[in-house]
Amino acid sequence: MGVTKSACGDPAVGQAMLRGGATALADSRLANLAKLRAAGVRAPLWLLRASI
């Protein structure tokens, strides 16, 4: 799983992670996940949240 949070959900970074072997992408922000999906990323997307 590639985490795109540090790249602000940049689709190019997400695609590079997928080409490098990641099978899914994760981020802690819904807006970043929406950006990935809007850019055509079809891999599974996960929303990261810490439990308190």
Protein backbone atom coordinates (compact mmCIF):
# COMPACT_ATOMS: atom_id res chain seq x y z
CA MET A 1 0.00 0.00 0.00
CA GLY A 2 1.36 3.40 -0.98
CA VAL A 3 0.60 6.40 1.24
CA THR A 4 0.15 9.64 -0.71
CA LYS A 5 -0.33 12.01 2.23
CA SER A 6 3.16 13.49 2.03
CA ALA A 7 2.58 14.25 -1.67
CA CYS A 8 -0.85 15.85 -1.03
CA GLY A 9 -2.51 13.12 -3.07
CA ASP A 10 -0.57 13.95 -6.23
CA PRO A 11 -1.88 11.55 -8.90
CA ALA A 12 1.55 11.25 -10.58
CA VAL A 13 3.05 10.09 -7.28
CA GLY A 14 0.19 7.66 -6.72
CA GLN A 15 0.60 6.21 -10.21
CA ALA A 16 4.35 5.83 -9.64
CA MET A 17 3.64 3.93 -6.40
CA LEU A 18 1.27 1.62 -8.27
CA ARG A 19 3.80 1.03 -11.06
CA GLY A 20 6.36 0.26 -8.35
CA GLY A 21 4.22 -2.53 -6.93
CA ALA A 22 1.71 -0.95 -4.54
CA THR A 23 -1.70 -2.57 -4.86
CA ALA A 24 -3.67 0.22 -3.14
CA LEU A 25 -3.23 3.85 -2.12
CA ALA A 26 -4.02 5.49 1.21
CA ASP A 27 -4.31 9.05 2.49
CA SER A 28 -5.65 10.75 5.58
CA ARG A 29 -7.63 13.36 3.64
CA LEU A 30 -10.80 12.70 1.65
CA ALA A 31 -9.96 15.57 -0.72
CA ASN A 32 -6.69 13.86 -1.67
CA LEU A 33 -8.46 10.56 -2.30
CA ALA A 34 -11.04 12.38 -4.45
CA LYS A 35 -8.20 13.98 -6.42
CA LEU A 36 -6.69 10.56 -7.10
CA ARG A 37 -10.01 9.10 -8.23
CA ALA A 38 -10.77 12.15 -10.44
CA ALA A 39 -7.38 11.67 -12.10
CA GLY A 40 -8.38 8.15 -13.11
CA VAL A 41 -6.67 6.08 -10.41
CA ARG A 42 -8.68 2.84 -10.26
CA ALA A 43 -6.74 1.10 -7.48
CA PRO A 44 -8.41 0.59 -4.09
CA LEU A 45 -8.22 3.76 -1.96
CA TRP A 46 -8.07 3.71 1.84
CA LEU A 47 -8.81 6.53 4.27
CA LEU A 48 -6.26 6.54 7.07
CA ARG A 49 -7.46 7.51 10.54
CA ALA A 50 -5.83 7.10 13.92
CA SER A 51 -7.88 5.53 16.67
CA ILE A 52 -8.09 7.46 19.88
